[in-house]
Amino acid sequence: MRAWLKDDILYLHREDVPSYKQKGSIVRNNFFWALKSISCYAPKGSDWEFDPEVWIALSRMLLSFTTSGYLGTSETMLEFSEDVPIPEVLRSVASYL
């Protein structure tokens, strides 16, 4: 998931966040609701925002879904541009584009 930081807020690109599907995969829908529940702003069709206070929870959640094997790393890994320092708490679930 493409990610960036601005004013101590983590943003996830709207095209990369999971979507809820009425008859979709239970794992993907759970992933959607779990991410949405800890976001500070996640409107439909917009970038999602996460406050620094939830970054540790986000990291643990992404690791959990990654190790489950049901979702690919492209869906559970944060991807930053090379000019952005990755916060320590997110390093286990982040890489550079």
PDB file of N, CA and C in Angstrom:
ATOM      1  N   MET A   1       0.837  -1.165   0.000  1.00  0.00           N
ATOM      2  CA  MET A   1       0.000   0.000   0.000  1.00  0.00           C
ATOM      3  C   MET A   1       0.888   1.237   0.000  1.00  0.00           C
ATOM      4  N   ARG A   2       0.670   2.096  -0.948  1.00  0.00           N
ATOM      5  CA  ARG A   2       1.448   3.326  -1.010  1.00  0.00           C
ATOM      6  C   ARG A   2       1.111   4.193   0.201  1.00  0.00           C
ATOM      7  N   ALA A   3       2.164   4.655   0.861  1.00  0.00           N
ATOM      8  CA  ALA A   3       1.992   5.422   2.086  1.00  0.00           C
ATOM      9  C   ALA A   3       2.901   6.641   2.067  1.00  0.00           C
ATOM     10  N   TRP A   4       2.493   7.665   2.799  1.00  0.00           N
ATOM     11  CA  TRP A   4       3.334   8.845   2.983  1.00  0.00           C
ATOM     12  C   TRP A   4       2.959   9.519   4.290  1.00  0.00           C
ATOM     13  N   LEU A   5       3.847  10.381   4.731  1.00  0.00           N
ATOM     14  CA  LEU A   5       3.653  11.117   5.980  1.00  0.00           C
ATOM     15  C   LEU A   5       3.516  12.601   5.687  1.00  0.00           C
ATOM     16  N   LYS A   6       2.601  13.224   6.410  1.00  0.00           N
ATOM     17  CA  LYS A   6       2.442  14.671   6.320  1.00  0.00           C
ATOM     18  C   LYS A   6       1.929  15.161   7.661  1.00  0.00           C
ATOM     19  N   ASP A   7       2.663  16.053   8.282  1.00  0.00           N
ATOM     20  CA  ASP A   7       2.279  16.608   9.581  1.00  0.00           C
ATOM     21  C   ASP A   7       2.001  15.515  10.613  1.00  0.00           C
ATOM     22  N   ASP A   8       2.871  14.526  10.670  1.00  0.00           N
ATOM     23  CA  ASP A   8       2.749  13.402  11.610  1.00  0.00           C
ATOM     24  C   ASP A   8       1.486  12.557  11.424  1.00  0.00           C
ATOM     25  N   ILE A   9       0.915  12.582  10.249  1.00  0.00           N
ATOM     26  CA  ILE A   9      -0.215  11.723   9.914  1.00  0.00           C
ATOM     27  C   ILE A   9       0.253  10.776   8.815  1.00  0.00           C
ATOM     28  N   LEU A  10      -0.043   9.495   8.987  1.00  0.00           N
ATOM     29  CA  LEU A  10       0.266   8.500   7.963  1.00  0.00           C
ATOM     30  C   LEU A  10      -0.926   8.416   7.019  1.00  0.00           C
ATOM     31  N   TYR A  11      -0.660   8.523   5.737  1.00  0.00           N
ATOM     32  CA  TYR A  11      -1.701   8.436   4.717  1.00  0.00           C
ATOM     33  C   TYR A  11      -1.511   7.164   3.905  1.00  0.00           C
ATOM     34  N   LEU A  12      -2.619   6.497   3.595  1.00  0.00           N
ATOM     35  CA  LEU A  12      -2.613   5.355   2.687  1.00  0.00           C
ATOM     36  C   LEU A  12      -3.402   5.737   1.449  1.00  0.00           C
ATOM     37  N   HIS A  13      -2.823   5.453   0.298  1.00  0.00           N
ATOM     38  CA  HIS A  13      -3.436   5.833  -0.968  1.00  0.00           C
ATOM     39  C   HIS A  13      -4.794   5.149  -1.136  1.00  0.00           C
ATOM     40  N   ARG A  14      -5.768   5.919  -1.566  1.00  0.00           N
ATOM     41  CA  ARG A  14      -7.150   5.431  -1.682  1.00  0.00           C
ATOM     42  C   ARG A  14      -7.300   4.222  -2.601  1.00  0.00           C
ATOM     43  N   GLU A  15      -6.446   4.106  -3.609  1.00  0.00           N
ATOM     44  CA  GLU A  15      -6.532   2.965  -4.524  1.00  0.00           C
ATOM     45  C   GLU A  15      -5.952   1.691  -3.913  1.00  0.00           C
ATOM     46  N   ASP A  16      -5.196   1.824  -2.824  1.00  0.00           N
ATOM     47  CA  ASP A  16      -4.515   0.678  -2.230  1.00  0.00           C
ATOM     48  C   ASP A  16      -5.187   0.136  -0.976  1.00  0.00           C
ATOM     49  N   VAL A  17      -6.077   0.916  -0.372  1.00  0.00           N
ATOM     50  CA  VAL A  17      -6.742   0.418   0.839  1.00  0.00           C
ATOM     51  C   VAL A  17      -7.767  -0.636   0.444  1.00  0.00           C
ATOM     52  N   PRO A  18      -8.040  -1.574   1.344  1.00  0.00           N
ATOM     53  CA  PRO A  18      -9.001  -2.627   1.000  1.00  0.00           C
ATOM     54  C   PRO A  18     -10.405  -2.044   0.858  1.00  0.00           C
ATOM     55  N   SER A  19     -11.232  -2.747   0.135  1.00  0.00           N
ATOM     56  CA  SER A  19     -12.624  -2.322   0.006  1.00  0.00           C
ATOM     57  C   SER A  19     -13.521  -3.398   0.615  1.00  0.00           C
ATOM     58  N   TYR A  20     -14.645  -2.956   1.112  1.00  0.00           N
ATOM     59  CA  TYR A  20     -15.628  -3.892   1.661  1.00  0.00           C
ATOM     60  C   TYR A  20     -16.514  -4.370   0.519  1.00  0.00           C
ATOM     61  N   LYS A  21     -16.721  -5.673   0.469  1.00  0.00           N
ATOM     62  CA  LYS A  21     -17.604  -6.247  -0.553  1.00  0.00           C
ATOM     63  C   LYS A  21     -18.620  -7.141   0.145  1.00  0.00           C
ATOM     64  N   GLN A  22     -19.888  -6.863  -0.096  1.00  0.00           N
ATOM     65  CA  GLN A  22     -20.986  -7.570   0.556  1.00  0.00           C
ATOM     66  C   GLN A  22     -20.788  -9.092   0.534  1.00  0.00           C
ATOM     67  N   LYS A  23     -20.413  -9.639  -0.596  1.00  0.00           N
ATOM     68  CA  LYS A  23     -20.222 -11.087  -0.720  1.00  0.00           C
ATOM     69  C   LYS A  23     -18.757 -11.420  -0.950  1.00  0.00           C
ATOM     70  N   GLY A  24     -17.884 -10.582  -0.417  1.00  0.00           N
ATOM     71  CA  GLY A  24     -16.458 -10.778  -0.598  1.00  0.00           C
ATOM     72  C   GLY A  24     -15.864 -11.735   0.426  1.00  0.00           C
ATOM     73  N   SER A  25     -14.579 -11.909   0.336  1.00  0.00           N
ATOM     74  CA  SER A  25     -13.830 -12.767   1.238  1.00  0.00           C
ATOM     75  C   SER A  25     -13.956 -12.279   2.679  1.00  0.00           C
ATOM     76  N   ILE A  26     -14.161 -13.193   3.586  1.00  0.00           N
ATOM     77  CA  ILE A  26     -14.263 -12.848   5.008  1.00  0.00           C
ATOM     78  C   ILE A  26     -12.965 -12.212   5.487  1.00  0.00           C
ATOM     79  N   VAL A  27     -11.834 -12.754   5.063  1.00  0.00           N
ATOM     80  CA  VAL A  27     -10.539 -12.214   5.490  1.00  0.00           C
ATOM     81  C   VAL A  27     -10.367 -10.784   4.987  1.00  0.00           C
ATOM     82  N   ARG A  28     -10.661 -10.551   3.719  1.00  0.00           N
ATOM     83  CA  ARG A  28     -10.514  -9.196   3.166  1.00  0.00           C
ATOM     84  C   ARG A  28     -11.471  -8.214   3.830  1.00  0.00           C
ATOM     85  N   ASN A  29     -12.698  -8.638   4.085  1.00  0.00           N
ATOM     86  CA  ASN A  29     -13.649  -7.755   4.758  1.00  0.00           C
ATOM     87  C   ASN A  29     -13.216  -7.483   6.195  1.00  0.00           C
ATOM     88  N   ASN A  30     -12.685  -8.491   6.883  1.00  0.00           N
ATOM     89  CA  ASN A  30     -12.167  -8.272   8.236  1.00  0.00           C
ATOM     90  C   ASN A  30     -10.983  -7.315   8.210  1.00  0.00           C
ATOM     91  N   PHE A  31     -10.135  -7.445   7.200  1.00  0.00           N
ATOM     92  CA  PHE A  31      -8.998  -6.550   7.034  1.00  0.00           C
ATOM     93  C   PHE A  31      -9.489  -5.116   6.836  1.00  0.00           C
ATOM     94  N   PHE A  32     -10.490  -4.947   5.988  1.00  0.00           N
ATOM     95  CA  PHE A  32     -11.087  -3.638   5.759  1.00  0.00           C
ATOM     96  C   PHE A  32     -11.573  -3.020   7.070  1.00  0.00           C
ATOM     97  N   TRP A  33     -12.388  -3.779   7.827  1.00  0.00           N
ATOM     98  CA  TRP A  33     -12.964  -3.229   9.061  1.00  0.00           C
ATOM     99  C   TRP A  33     -11.904  -2.986  10.132  1.00  0.00           C
ATOM    100  N   ALA A  34     -10.909  -3.838  10.202  1.00  0.00           N
ATOM    101  CA  ALA A  34      -9.846  -3.653  11.188  1.00  0.00           C
ATOM    102  C   ALA A  34      -9.072  -2.366  10.901  1.00  0.00           C
ATOM    103  N   LEU A  35      -8.690  -2.152   9.651  1.00  0.00           N
ATOM    104  CA  LEU A  35      -7.974  -0.924   9.288  1.00  0.00           C
ATOM    105  C   LEU A  35      -8.846   0.310   9.488  1.00  0.00           C
ATOM    106  N   LYS A  36     -10.072   0.214   9.060  1.00  0.00           N
ATOM    107  CA  LYS A  36     -10.986   1.359   9.180  1.00  0.00           C
ATOM    108  C   LYS A  36     -11.215   1.724  10.644  1.00  0.00           C
ATOM    109  N   SER A  37     -11.255   0.707  11.513  1.00  0.00           N
ATOM    110  CA  SER A  37     -11.562   0.963  12.924  1.00  0.00           C
ATOM    111  C   SER A  37     -10.468   1.747  13.643  1.00  0.00           C
ATOM    112  N   ILE A  38      -9.224   1.655  13.179  1.00  0.00           N
ATOM    113  CA  ILE A  38      -8.147   2.399  13.852  1.00  0.00           C
ATOM    114  C   ILE A  38      -7.732   3.660  13.091  1.00  0.00           C
ATOM    115  N   SER A  39      -8.327   3.883  11.941  1.00  0.00           N
ATOM    116  CA  SER A  39      -7.988   5.095  11.187  1.00  0.00           C
ATOM    117  C   SER A  39      -8.651   6.302  11.843  1.00  0.00           C
ATOM    118  N   CYS A  40      -8.062   7.460  11.634  1.00  0.00           N
ATOM    119  CA  CYS A  40      -8.692   8.679  12.161  1.00  0.00           C
ATOM    120  C   CYS A  40      -9.597   9.307  11.108  1.00  0.00           C
ATOM    121  N   TYR A  41      -9.418   8.907   9.838  1.00  0.00           N
ATOM    122  CA  TYR A  41     -10.256   9.437   8.767  1.00  0.00           C
ATOM    123  C   TYR A  41     -10.174   8.467   7.601  1.00  0.00           C
ATOM    124  N   ALA A  42     -11.309   7.879   7.221  1.00  0.00           N
ATOM    125  CA  ALA A  42     -11.305   6.882   6.156  1.00  0.00           C
ATOM    126  C   ALA A  42     -12.590   6.943   5.334  1.00  0.00           C
ATOM    127  N   PRO A  43     -12.817   8.053   4.649  1.00  0.00           N
ATOM    128  CA  PRO A  43     -14.027   8.153   3.845  1.00  0.00           C
ATOM    129  C   PRO A  43     -13.908   7.334   2.561  1.00  0.00           C
ATOM    130  N   LYS A  44     -15.021   6.894   2.062  1.00  0.00           N
ATOM    131  CA  LYS A  44     -15.034   6.123   0.821  1.00  0.00           C
ATOM    132  C   LYS A  44     -14.480   6.977  -0.323  1.00  0.00           C
ATOM    133  N   GLY A  45     -13.557   6.406  -1.075  1.00  0.00           N
ATOM    134  CA  GLY A  45     -13.004   7.088  -2.233  1.00  0.00           C
ATOM    135  C   GLY A  45     -11.913   8.104  -1.941  1.00  0.00           C
ATOM    136  N   SER A  46     -11.452   8.177  -0.694  1.00  0.00           N
ATOM    137  CA  SER A  46     -10.384   9.115  -0.329  1.00  0.00           C
ATOM    138  C   SER A  46      -9.242   8.369   0.345  1.00  0.00           C
ATOM    139  N   ASP A  47      -8.117   9.061   0.495  1.00  0.00           N
ATOM    140  CA  ASP A  47      -6.979   8.488   1.205  1.00  0.00           C
ATOM    141  C   ASP A  47      -7.354   8.301   2.673  1.00  0.00           C
ATOM    142  N   TRP A  48      -6.807   7.255   3.286  1.00  0.00           N
ATOM    143  CA  TRP A  48      -7.076   6.978   4.701  1.00  0.00           C
ATOM    144  C   TRP A  48      -5.948   7.577   5.529  1.00  0.00           C
ATOM    145  N   GLU A  49      -6.300   8.056   6.719  1.00  0.00           N
ATOM    146  CA  GLU A  49      -5.342   8.709   7.601  1.00  0.00           C
ATOM    147  C   GLU A  49      -5.240   7.975   8.932  1.00  0.00           C
ATOM    148  N   PHE A  50      -4.004   7.927   9.468  1.00  0.00           N
ATOM    149  CA  PHE A  50      -3.742   7.252  10.735  1.00  0.00           C
ATOM    150  C   PHE A  50      -2.877   8.144  11.619  1.00  0.00           C
ATOM    151  N   ASP A  51      -3.351   8.407  12.824  1.00  0.00           N
ATOM    152  CA  ASP A  51      -2.603   9.180  13.818  1.00  0.00           C
ATOM    153  C   ASP A  51      -1.427   8.362  14.355  1.00  0.00           C
ATOM    154  N   PRO A  52      -0.368   9.021  14.816  1.00  0.00           N
ATOM    155  CA  PRO A  52       0.783   8.305  15.388  1.00  0.00           C
ATOM    156  C   PRO A  52       0.415   7.382  16.553  1.00  0.00           C
ATOM    157  N   GLU A  53      -0.630   7.710  17.284  1.00  0.00           N
ATOM    158  CA  GLU A  53      -1.035   6.889  18.432  1.00  0.00           C
ATOM    159  C   GLU A  53      -1.450   5.478  18.046  1.00  0.00           C
ATOM    160  N   VAL A  54      -1.848   5.255  16.793  1.00  0.00           N
ATOM    161  CA  VAL A  54      -2.294   3.923  16.384  1.00  0.00           C
ATOM    162  C   VAL A  54      -1.278   3.191  15.512  1.00  0.00           C
ATOM    163  N   TRP A  55      -0.120   3.807  15.267  1.00  0.00           N
ATOM    164  CA  TRP A  55       0.852   3.166  14.384  1.00  0.00           C
ATOM    165  C   TRP A  55       1.313   1.811  14.893  1.00  0.00           C
ATOM    166  N   ILE A  56       1.471   1.649  16.187  1.00  0.00           N
ATOM    167  CA  ILE A  56       1.888   0.340  16.718  1.00  0.00           C
ATOM    168  C   ILE A  56       0.787  -0.690  16.478  1.00  0.00           C
ATOM    169  N   ALA A  57      -0.459  -0.299  16.655  1.00  0.00           N
ATOM    170  CA  ALA A  57      -1.578  -1.206  16.383  1.00  0.00           C
ATOM    171  C   ALA A  57      -1.636  -1.532  14.893  1.00  0.00           C
ATOM    172  N   LEU A  58      -1.412  -0.535  14.060  1.00  0.00           N
ATOM    173  CA  LEU A  58      -1.398  -0.759  12.611  1.00  0.00           C
ATOM    174  C   LEU A  58      -0.299  -1.738  12.239  1.00  0.00           C
ATOM    175  N   SER A  59       0.865  -1.547  12.791  1.00  0.00           N
ATOM    176  CA  SER A  59       1.983  -2.435  12.515  1.00  0.00           C
ATOM    177  C   SER A  59       1.666  -3.874  12.914  1.00  0.00           C
ATOM    178  N   ARG A  60       1.140  -4.047  14.099  1.00  0.00           N
ATOM    179  CA  ARG A  60       0.794  -5.394  14.572  1.00  0.00           C
ATOM    180  C   ARG A  60      -0.300  -6.021  13.714  1.00  0.00           C
ATOM    181  N   MET A  61      -1.269  -5.225  13.327  1.00  0.00           N
ATOM    182  CA  MET A  61      -2.359  -5.723  12.496  1.00  0.00           C
ATOM    183  C   MET A  61      -1.844  -6.168  11.131  1.00  0.00           C
ATOM    184  N   LEU A  62      -1.005  -5.336  10.519  1.00  0.00           N
ATOM    185  CA  LEU A  62      -0.460  -5.693   9.211  1.00  0.00           C
ATOM    186  C   LEU A  62       0.399  -6.951   9.295  1.00  0.00           C
ATOM    187  N   LEU A  63       1.216  -7.066  10.348  1.00  0.00           N
ATOM    188  CA  LEU A  63       2.018  -8.288  10.537  1.00  0.00           C
ATOM    189  C   LEU A  63       1.133  -9.512  10.695  1.00  0.00           C
ATOM    190  N   SER A  64       0.077  -9.378  11.449  1.00  0.00           N
ATOM    191  CA  SER A  64      -0.840 -10.489  11.679  1.00  0.00           C
ATOM    192  C   SER A  64      -1.485 -10.956  10.378  1.00  0.00           C
ATOM    193  N   PHE A  65      -1.981 -10.016   9.587  1.00  0.00           N
ATOM    194  CA  PHE A  65      -2.600 -10.395   8.318  1.00  0.00           C
ATOM    195  C   PHE A  65      -1.570 -10.925   7.332  1.00  0.00           C
ATOM    196  N   THR A  66      -0.344 -10.401   7.379  1.00  0.00           N
ATOM    197  CA  THR A  66       0.715 -10.899   6.498  1.00  0.00           C
ATOM    198  C   THR A  66       1.049 -12.349   6.816  1.00  0.00           C
ATOM    199  N   THR A  67       1.242 -12.641   8.093  1.00  0.00           N
ATOM    200  CA  THR A  67       1.645 -13.997   8.482  1.00  0.00           C
ATOM    201  C   THR A  67       0.510 -15.003   8.364  1.00  0.00           C
ATOM    202  N   SER A  68      -0.718 -14.540   8.264  1.00  0.00           N
ATOM    203  CA  SER A  68      -1.843 -15.472   8.107  1.00  0.00           C
ATOM    204  C   SER A  68      -1.758 -16.203   6.776  1.00  0.00           C
ATOM    205  N   GLY A  69      -1.143 -15.549   5.774  1.00  0.00           N
ATOM    206  CA  GLY A  69      -1.006 -16.175   4.471  1.00  0.00           C
ATOM    207  C   GLY A  69      -2.206 -15.975   3.557  1.00  0.00           C
ATOM    208  N   TYR A  70      -3.248 -15.311   4.036  1.00  0.00           N
ATOM    209  CA  TYR A  70      -4.442 -15.119   3.217  1.00  0.00           C
ATOM    210  C   TYR A  70      -4.354 -13.893   2.317  1.00  0.00           C
ATOM    211  N   LEU A  71      -3.494 -12.956   2.670  1.00  0.00           N
ATOM    212  CA  LEU A  71      -3.335 -11.742   1.879  1.00  0.00           C
ATOM    213  C   LEU A  71      -1.887 -11.618   1.432  1.00  0.00           C
ATOM    214  N   GLY A  72      -1.680 -11.067   0.277  1.00  0.00           N
ATOM    215  CA  GLY A  72      -0.331 -10.894  -0.232  1.00  0.00           C
ATOM    216  C   GLY A  72       0.376  -9.724   0.416  1.00  0.00           C
ATOM    217  N   THR A  73       1.691  -9.715   0.317  1.00  0.00           N
ATOM    218  CA  THR A  73       2.461  -8.631   0.933  1.00  0.00           C
ATOM    219  C   THR A  73       2.159  -7.278   0.293  1.00  0.00           C
ATOM    220  N   SER A  74       1.760  -7.269  -0.974  1.00  0.00           N
ATOM    221  CA  SER A  74       1.415  -5.984  -1.597  1.00  0.00           C
ATOM    222  C   SER A  74       0.197  -5.358  -0.940  1.00  0.00           C
ATOM    223  N   GLU A  75      -0.626  -6.177  -0.305  1.00  0.00           N
ATOM    224  CA  GLU A  75      -1.825  -5.671   0.373  1.00  0.00           C
ATOM    225  C   GLU A  75      -1.564  -5.310   1.831  1.00  0.00           C
ATOM    226  N   THR A  76      -0.476  -5.823   2.389  1.00  0.00           N
ATOM    227  CA  THR A  76      -0.233  -5.637   3.816  1.00  0.00           C
ATOM    228  C   THR A  76       1.079  -4.918   4.120  1.00  0.00           C
ATOM    229  N   MET A  77       1.793  -4.491   3.103  1.00  0.00           N
ATOM    230  CA  MET A  77       3.063  -3.802   3.292  1.00  0.00           C
ATOM    231  C   MET A  77       2.907  -2.336   2.915  1.00  0.00           C
ATOM    232  N   LEU A  78       3.447  -1.465   3.746  1.00  0.00           N
ATOM    233  CA  LEU A  78       3.427  -0.035   3.462  1.00  0.00           C
ATOM    234  C   LEU A  78       4.610   0.293   2.570  1.00  0.00           C
ATOM    235  N   GLU A  79       4.389   1.020   1.509  1.00  0.00           N
ATOM    236  CA  GLU A  79       5.451   1.381   0.571  1.00  0.00           C
ATOM    237  C   GLU A  79       5.625   2.897   0.569  1.00  0.00           C
ATOM    238  N   PHE A  80       6.826   3.329   0.941  1.00  0.00           N
ATOM    239  CA  PHE A  80       7.157   4.746   1.016  1.00  0.00           C
ATOM    240  C   PHE A  80       8.108   5.114  -0.117  1.00  0.00           C
ATOM    241  N   SER A  81       8.075   6.372  -0.536  1.00  0.00           N
ATOM    242  CA  SER A  81       9.071   6.834  -1.493  1.00  0.00           C
ATOM    243  C   SER A  81      10.416   6.931  -0.768  1.00  0.00           C
ATOM    244  N   GLU A  82      11.489   6.851  -1.518  1.00  0.00           N
ATOM    245  CA  GLU A  82      12.827   6.774  -0.920  1.00  0.00           C
ATOM    246  C   GLU A  82      13.249   8.026  -0.169  1.00  0.00           C
ATOM    247  N   ASP A  83      12.593   9.134  -0.394  1.00  0.00           N
ATOM    248  CA  ASP A  83      12.971  10.374   0.285  1.00  0.00           C
ATOM    249  C   ASP A  83      12.271  10.559   1.635  1.00  0.00           C
ATOM    250  N   VAL A  84      11.466   9.576   2.038  1.00  0.00           N
ATOM    251  CA  VAL A  84      10.728   9.662   3.305  1.00  0.00           C
ATOM    252  C   VAL A  84      11.329   8.692   4.313  1.00  0.00           C
ATOM    253  N   PRO A  85      11.789   9.175   5.449  1.00  0.00           N
ATOM    254  CA  PRO A  85      12.274   8.247   6.480  1.00  0.00           C
ATOM    255  C   PRO A  85      11.093   7.485   7.079  1.00  0.00           C
ATOM    256  N   ILE A  86      11.236   6.173   7.156  1.00  0.00           N
ATOM    257  CA  ILE A  86      10.178   5.328   7.700  1.00  0.00           C
ATOM    258  C   ILE A  86      10.254   5.371   9.222  1.00  0.00           C
ATOM    259  N   PRO A  87       9.153   5.703   9.889  1.00  0.00           N
ATOM    260  CA  PRO A  87       9.162   5.710  11.358  1.00  0.00           C
ATOM    261  C   PRO A  87       9.538   4.337  11.918  1.00  0.00           C
ATOM    262  N   GLU A  88      10.291   4.328  12.984  1.00  0.00           N
ATOM    263  CA  GLU A  88      10.776   3.086  13.605  1.00  0.00           C
ATOM    264  C   GLU A  88       9.643   2.080  13.837  1.00  0.00           C
ATOM    265  N   VAL A  89       8.536   2.530  14.346  1.00  0.00           N
ATOM    266  CA  VAL A  89       7.434   1.633  14.701  1.00  0.00           C
ATOM    267  C   VAL A  89       6.808   0.953  13.480  1.00  0.00           C
ATOM    268  N   LEU A  90       7.032   1.499  12.296  1.00  0.00           N
ATOM    269  CA  LEU A  90       6.440   0.932  11.073  1.00  0.00           C
ATOM    270  C   LEU A  90       7.448   0.161  10.212  1.00  0.00           C
ATOM    271  N   ARG A  91       8.690   0.126  10.621  1.00  0.00           N
ATOM    272  CA  ARG A  91       9.730  -0.486   9.775  1.00  0.00           C
ATOM    273  C   ARG A  91       9.505  -1.972   9.481  1.00  0.00           C
ATOM    274  N   SER A  92       8.904  -2.691  10.401  1.00  0.00           N
ATOM    275  CA  SER A  92       8.696  -4.135  10.163  1.00  0.00           C
ATOM    276  C   SER A  92       7.633  -4.413   9.112  1.00  0.00           C
ATOM    277  N   VAL A  93       6.835  -3.399   8.779  1.00  0.00           N
ATOM    278  CA  VAL A  93       5.766  -3.595   7.800  1.00  0.00           C
ATOM    279  C   VAL A  93       5.884  -2.607   6.629  1.00  0.00           C
ATOM    280  N   ALA A  94       7.068  -2.045   6.432  1.00  0.00           N
ATOM    281  CA  ALA A  94       7.241  -1.026   5.410  1.00  0.00           C
ATOM    282  C   ALA A  94       8.481  -1.299   4.575  1.00  0.00           C
ATOM    283  N   SER A  95       8.445  -0.748   3.371  1.00  0.00           N
ATOM    284  CA  SER A  95       9.589  -0.810   2.466  1.00  0.00           C
ATOM    285  C   SER A  95       9.547   0.440   1.586  1.00  0.00           C
ATOM    286  N   TYR A  96      10.556   0.568   0.755  1.00  0.00           N
ATOM    287  CA  TYR A  96      10.595   1.673  -0.182  1.00  0.00           C
ATOM    288  C   TYR A  96      10.103   1.208  -1.537  1.00  0.00           C
ATOM    289  N   LEU A  97       9.471   2.107  -2.283  1.00  0.00           N
ATOM    290  CA  LEU A  97       8.974   1.787  -3.612  1.00  0.00           C
ATOM    291  C   LEU A  97      10.091   1.408  -4.556  1.00  0.00           C
TER     292      LEU A  97
END
